[in-house]
Amino acid sequence: MSVEAYVFVECEHGKSSNIAERIGRIGGVKSAKTVTGPYDVIVLVEASSFKVLADVVMKKIQSIEGVKRTLTNLVIE
């Protein structure tokens, strides 16, 4: 069984396009799109488990320079 989540990413000013590109190259990331609104990038992640999902978010996405904070929403359907 796989786990999917949308990760909403807030970035430092002017860095969202570069950050979206970098996130898009991370294994398990299905899409990373620059958007308008309170968040700068919305990411769809698919992982084999909650632990793998947590690793993608905390060790890979949050470690990118210019990422200020993330909000993760699990897909339940």
Protein backbone atom coordinates (compact mmCIF):
# COMPACT_ATOMS: atom_id res chain seq x y z
CA MET A 1 0.00 0.00 0.00
CA SER A 2 1.33 3.43 -0.87
CA VAL A 3 0.79 6.76 0.85
CA GLU A 4 0.13 10.02 -0.99
CA ALA A 5 0.31 13.54 0.37
CA TYR A 6 0.16 17.11 -0.82
CA VAL A 7 2.96 19.20 0.63
CA PHE A 8 2.44 22.96 0.65
CA VAL A 9 5.76 24.81 0.63
CA GLU A 10 6.43 28.40 1.65
CA CYS A 11 9.63 29.77 0.09
CA GLU A 12 11.85 32.79 0.51
CA HIS A 13 10.99 35.60 -1.89
CA GLY A 14 12.01 34.97 -5.50
CA LYS A 15 13.09 31.35 -5.00
CA SER A 16 9.88 29.40 -5.69
CA SER A 17 10.61 28.43 -9.32
CA ASN A 18 14.08 27.12 -8.51
CA ILE A 19 12.79 25.28 -5.45
CA ALA A 20 9.94 23.68 -7.42
CA GLU A 21 12.46 22.42 -9.99
CA ARG A 22 14.70 20.95 -7.29
CA ILE A 23 11.78 19.31 -5.49
CA GLY A 24 10.56 17.83 -8.78
CA ARG A 25 13.80 15.83 -9.05
CA ILE A 26 13.33 14.13 -5.65
CA GLY A 27 12.39 10.45 -5.80
CA GLY A 28 8.72 9.89 -5.00
CA VAL A 29 7.65 13.38 -6.06
CA LYS A 30 4.90 13.06 -8.67
CA SER A 31 4.61 16.80 -9.30
CA ALA A 32 5.88 20.12 -7.95
CA LYS A 33 4.07 23.22 -9.17
CA THR A 34 4.63 26.90 -8.46
CA VAL A 35 1.32 28.49 -7.44
CA THR A 36 -0.21 31.71 -6.17
CA GLY A 37 -1.70 32.12 -2.72
CA PRO A 38 -0.35 31.66 0.80
CA TYR A 39 2.03 28.89 -0.35
CA ASP A 40 4.51 29.10 -3.20
CA VAL A 41 4.85 25.47 -4.30
CA ILE A 42 2.43 22.54 -4.08
CA VAL A 43 3.98 19.08 -4.23
CA LEU A 44 2.35 15.68 -4.69
CA VAL A 45 4.41 12.92 -3.08
CA GLU A 46 3.85 9.17 -3.29
CA ALA A 47 5.71 6.93 -0.85
CA SER A 48 5.70 3.29 0.15
CA SER A 49 5.13 4.10 3.84
CA PHE A 50 4.62 6.96 6.29
CA LYS A 51 8.30 6.72 7.26
CA VAL A 52 9.42 7.13 3.65
CA LEU A 53 6.99 10.05 3.25
CA ALA A 54 8.40 11.68 6.40
CA ASP A 55 11.94 11.24 5.08
CA VAL A 56 11.04 12.91 1.78
CA VAL A 57 9.43 15.87 3.53
CA MET A 58 11.79 16.37 6.46
CA LYS A 59 15.13 15.29 5.04
CA LYS A 60 14.79 16.29 1.40
CA ILE A 61 12.20 19.04 0.89
CA GLN A 62 12.75 20.94 4.14
CA SER A 63 16.54 20.84 3.68
CA ILE A 64 16.44 22.80 0.41
CA GLU A 65 17.86 26.28 0.85
CA GLY A 66 15.06 28.84 0.62
CA VAL A 67 12.30 26.60 1.99
CA LYS A 68 10.80 28.41 4.97
CA ARG A 69 8.13 25.90 6.07
CA THR A 70 5.94 23.08 4.86
CA LEU A 71 2.43 21.81 5.55
CA THR A 72 1.70 18.17 4.71
CA ASN A 73 -1.82 16.90 3.97
CA LEU A 74 -2.35 13.16 3.56
CA VAL A 75 -4.59 11.95 0.74
CA ILE A 76 -7.33 9.77 2.29
CA GLU A 77 -9.21 8.73 -0.82
